[in-house]
Protein backbone atom coordinates (compact mmCIF):
# COMPACT_ATOMS: atom_id res chain seq x y z
CA MET A 1 7.67 8.33 24.17
CA LYS A 2 7.31 11.12 21.64
CA ILE A 3 5.56 10.27 18.37
CA LEU A 4 5.71 12.26 15.14
CA LEU A 5 2.22 12.34 13.63
CA PRO A 6 2.33 13.90 10.14
CA VAL A 7 -1.13 14.96 8.91
CA ASP A 8 -2.55 16.73 5.89
CA GLY A 9 -6.19 17.33 6.75
CA THR A 10 -7.49 14.32 4.81
CA GLU A 11 -9.77 11.61 6.11
CA LEU A 12 -6.74 9.30 6.13
CA SER A 13 -5.02 11.75 8.51
CA LEU A 14 -8.00 11.62 10.85
CA HIS A 15 -7.95 7.81 10.65
CA GLU A 16 -4.24 7.87 11.53
CA THR A 17 -4.90 10.22 14.47
CA ARG A 18 -7.70 8.00 15.76
CA PHE A 19 -5.36 4.99 15.47
CA ALA A 20 -2.68 6.81 17.48
CA LEU A 21 -5.26 7.66 20.14
CA GLN A 22 -6.27 3.99 20.26
CA LEU A 23 -2.64 3.13 21.05
CA LEU A 24 -2.89 5.45 24.07
CA ARG A 25 -6.17 3.87 25.19
CA GLU A 26 -4.41 0.48 24.99
CA GLY A 27 -1.77 1.70 27.45
CA LEU A 28 0.97 3.41 25.43
CA LYS A 29 2.26 6.51 27.20
CA ALA A 30 3.15 9.13 24.62
CA SER A 31 2.97 12.72 23.52
CA PHE A 32 2.78 13.85 19.92
CA VAL A 33 4.37 16.20 17.46
CA LEU A 34 1.56 16.97 15.04
CA ALA A 35 3.24 18.01 11.79
CA ASN A 36 2.34 19.28 8.35
CA VAL A 37 4.78 19.66 5.47
CA GLN A 38 4.04 22.33 2.89
CA GLU A 39 5.58 22.39 -0.57
CA PRO A 40 8.12 25.17 -0.97
CA ALA A 41 7.11 28.12 -3.10
CA SER A 42 7.80 27.72 -6.79
CA PHE A 43 10.35 29.89 -8.53
CA TYR A 44 7.49 31.70 -10.28
CA GLU A 45 5.77 32.44 -6.98
CA MET A 46 8.98 33.78 -5.48
CA VAL A 47 9.72 36.02 -8.47
CA THR A 48 6.20 37.44 -8.80
CA ALA A 49 5.42 37.84 -5.11
CA ASP A 50 5.45 41.29 -3.61
CA SER A 51 6.89 39.77 -0.47
CA PRO A 52 8.34 36.26 -0.02
CA GLU A 53 7.30 36.51 3.64
CA LEU A 54 3.64 36.62 2.53
CA ILE A 55 4.06 33.33 0.65
CA GLU A 56 5.72 31.69 3.63
CA GLY A 57 3.05 33.06 5.97
CA ALA A 58 0.29 31.70 3.73
CA ALA A 59 1.95 28.27 3.68
CA MET A 60 2.27 28.23 7.47
CA GLU A 61 -1.36 29.28 7.87
CA ALA A 62 -2.48 26.57 5.43
CA GLY A 63 -0.50 23.99 7.40
CA GLU A 64 -2.10 25.07 10.67
CA ASP A 65 -5.56 24.81 9.07
CA LEU A 66 -4.80 21.32 7.74
CA MET A 67 -3.65 20.15 11.18
CA GLU A 68 -6.69 21.51 13.00
CA PRO A 69 -9.01 18.45 12.64
CA SER A 70 -6.35 16.16 14.12
CA ALA A 71 -5.40 18.75 16.75
CA ARG A 72 -9.06 18.92 17.79
CA LEU A 73 -9.13 15.13 18.33
CA LEU A 74 -5.96 15.29 20.44
CA ARG A 75 -7.30 18.23 22.51
CA GLU A 76 -10.61 16.42 23.10
CA ALA A 77 -8.67 13.39 24.34
CA ALA A 78 -6.52 15.63 26.60
CA VAL A 79 -3.35 14.30 24.96
CA PRO A 80 -0.21 16.44 25.12
CA PHE A 81 1.05 17.58 21.72
CA GLU A 82 3.03 20.25 19.98
CA THR A 83 2.73 21.36 16.37
CA ALA A 84 5.16 21.97 13.55
CA VAL A 85 4.57 23.32 10.06
CA VAL A 86 7.56 23.12 7.75
CA GLN A 87 8.25 23.58 4.05
CA GLY A 88 10.21 21.19 1.86
CA ASP A 89 10.38 17.62 0.67
CA PRO A 90 7.99 15.64 2.91
CA ALA A 91 10.29 12.70 3.71
CA GLN A 92 13.36 14.86 4.31
CA SER A 93 11.34 17.34 6.38
CA MET A 94 10.02 14.55 8.57
CA LEU A 95 13.54 13.21 9.11
CA GLU A 96 14.55 16.68 10.30
CA LEU A 97 11.49 16.88 12.58
CA ILE A 98 12.35 13.47 14.10
CA GLU A 99 15.78 14.78 15.03
CA GLU A 100 14.69 18.28 16.07
CA HIS A 101 11.89 17.04 18.36
CA ARG A 102 13.72 13.87 19.45
CA CYS A 103 10.87 11.65 18.36
CA ASP A 104 10.93 7.96 19.22
CA MET A 105 8.49 6.82 16.56
CA VAL A 106 6.45 7.94 13.55
CA VAL A 107 2.80 7.03 12.98
CA MET A 108 1.66 7.94 9.50
CA GLY A 109 -0.86 7.01 6.85
CA SER A 110 0.02 4.95 3.84
CA ARG A 111 -1.53 5.39 0.41
CA ALA A 112 -1.05 3.03 -2.48
CA LEU A 113 0.52 4.79 -5.46
CA GLY A 114 0.18 3.46 -8.95
CA PRO A 115 3.40 2.38 -10.70
CA VAL A 116 3.66 5.51 -12.86
CA ARG A 117 3.15 7.91 -9.97
CA ARG A 118 5.55 5.90 -7.80
CA TRP A 119 8.21 6.16 -10.55
CA LEU A 120 7.60 9.89 -11.10
CA GLU A 121 7.74 10.72 -7.41
CA GLY A 122 10.63 8.39 -6.58
CA GLY A 123 8.45 6.28 -4.29
CA SER A 124 5.87 7.22 -1.76
CA THR A 125 6.72 9.48 1.15
CA SER A 126 6.00 6.63 3.56
CA GLN A 127 8.36 4.26 1.68
CA ARG A 128 11.13 6.83 1.61
CA LEU A 129 10.69 7.54 5.33
CA VAL A 130 10.67 3.85 6.26
CA GLN A 131 13.95 3.40 4.39
CA SER A 132 15.67 6.42 5.97
CA SER A 133 14.18 6.86 9.42
CA PRO A 134 16.37 6.38 12.49
CA VAL A 135 13.23 5.44 14.48
CA PRO A 136 10.41 2.94 13.86
CA VAL A 137 7.70 4.01 11.41
CA LEU A 138 4.22 2.57 11.88
CA LEU A 139 2.16 2.78 8.69
CA VAL A 140 -1.59 3.03 9.12
CA THR A 141 -3.47 1.68 6.13
CA PRO A 142 -6.56 3.47 4.88
CA PRO A 143 -9.91 2.25 6.19
CA ALA A 144 -11.65 -0.22 3.88
CA SER A 145 -14.18 2.40 2.76
CA ASP A 146 -11.44 4.90 1.75
CA GLU A 147 -10.74 4.88 -1.99
CA THR A 148 -7.64 7.12 -2.09
């Protein structure tokens, strides 16, 4: 089984990674695609940049940095994984990663959005992915002490 594990460097991402590792300790046989989705460069950034490649390179480097804490946990557990940093809409990008990497499942964190933010953003990324994903999506709720 191949599991897409989207992370963003937050404590919730580490909690999600630890949960995924617990699934393996309980007997699930799986490898992971550790992923980070970066926002695309704004029009202003593209127009004022000396080189669009520098902006893209910075985004990819930022994504790698944000994945590192979760990658470290997977390496320490000797779990096979690959990484992917992409730019774009988070839900749509994850749908593309599911297809590209032939993932069988997604394990991701879930944050509660307030009604205004949910309306402005068109729903949470996790809600949009659950509604559109061709594979099961397991939502990991924040730990009780997390106030995000």
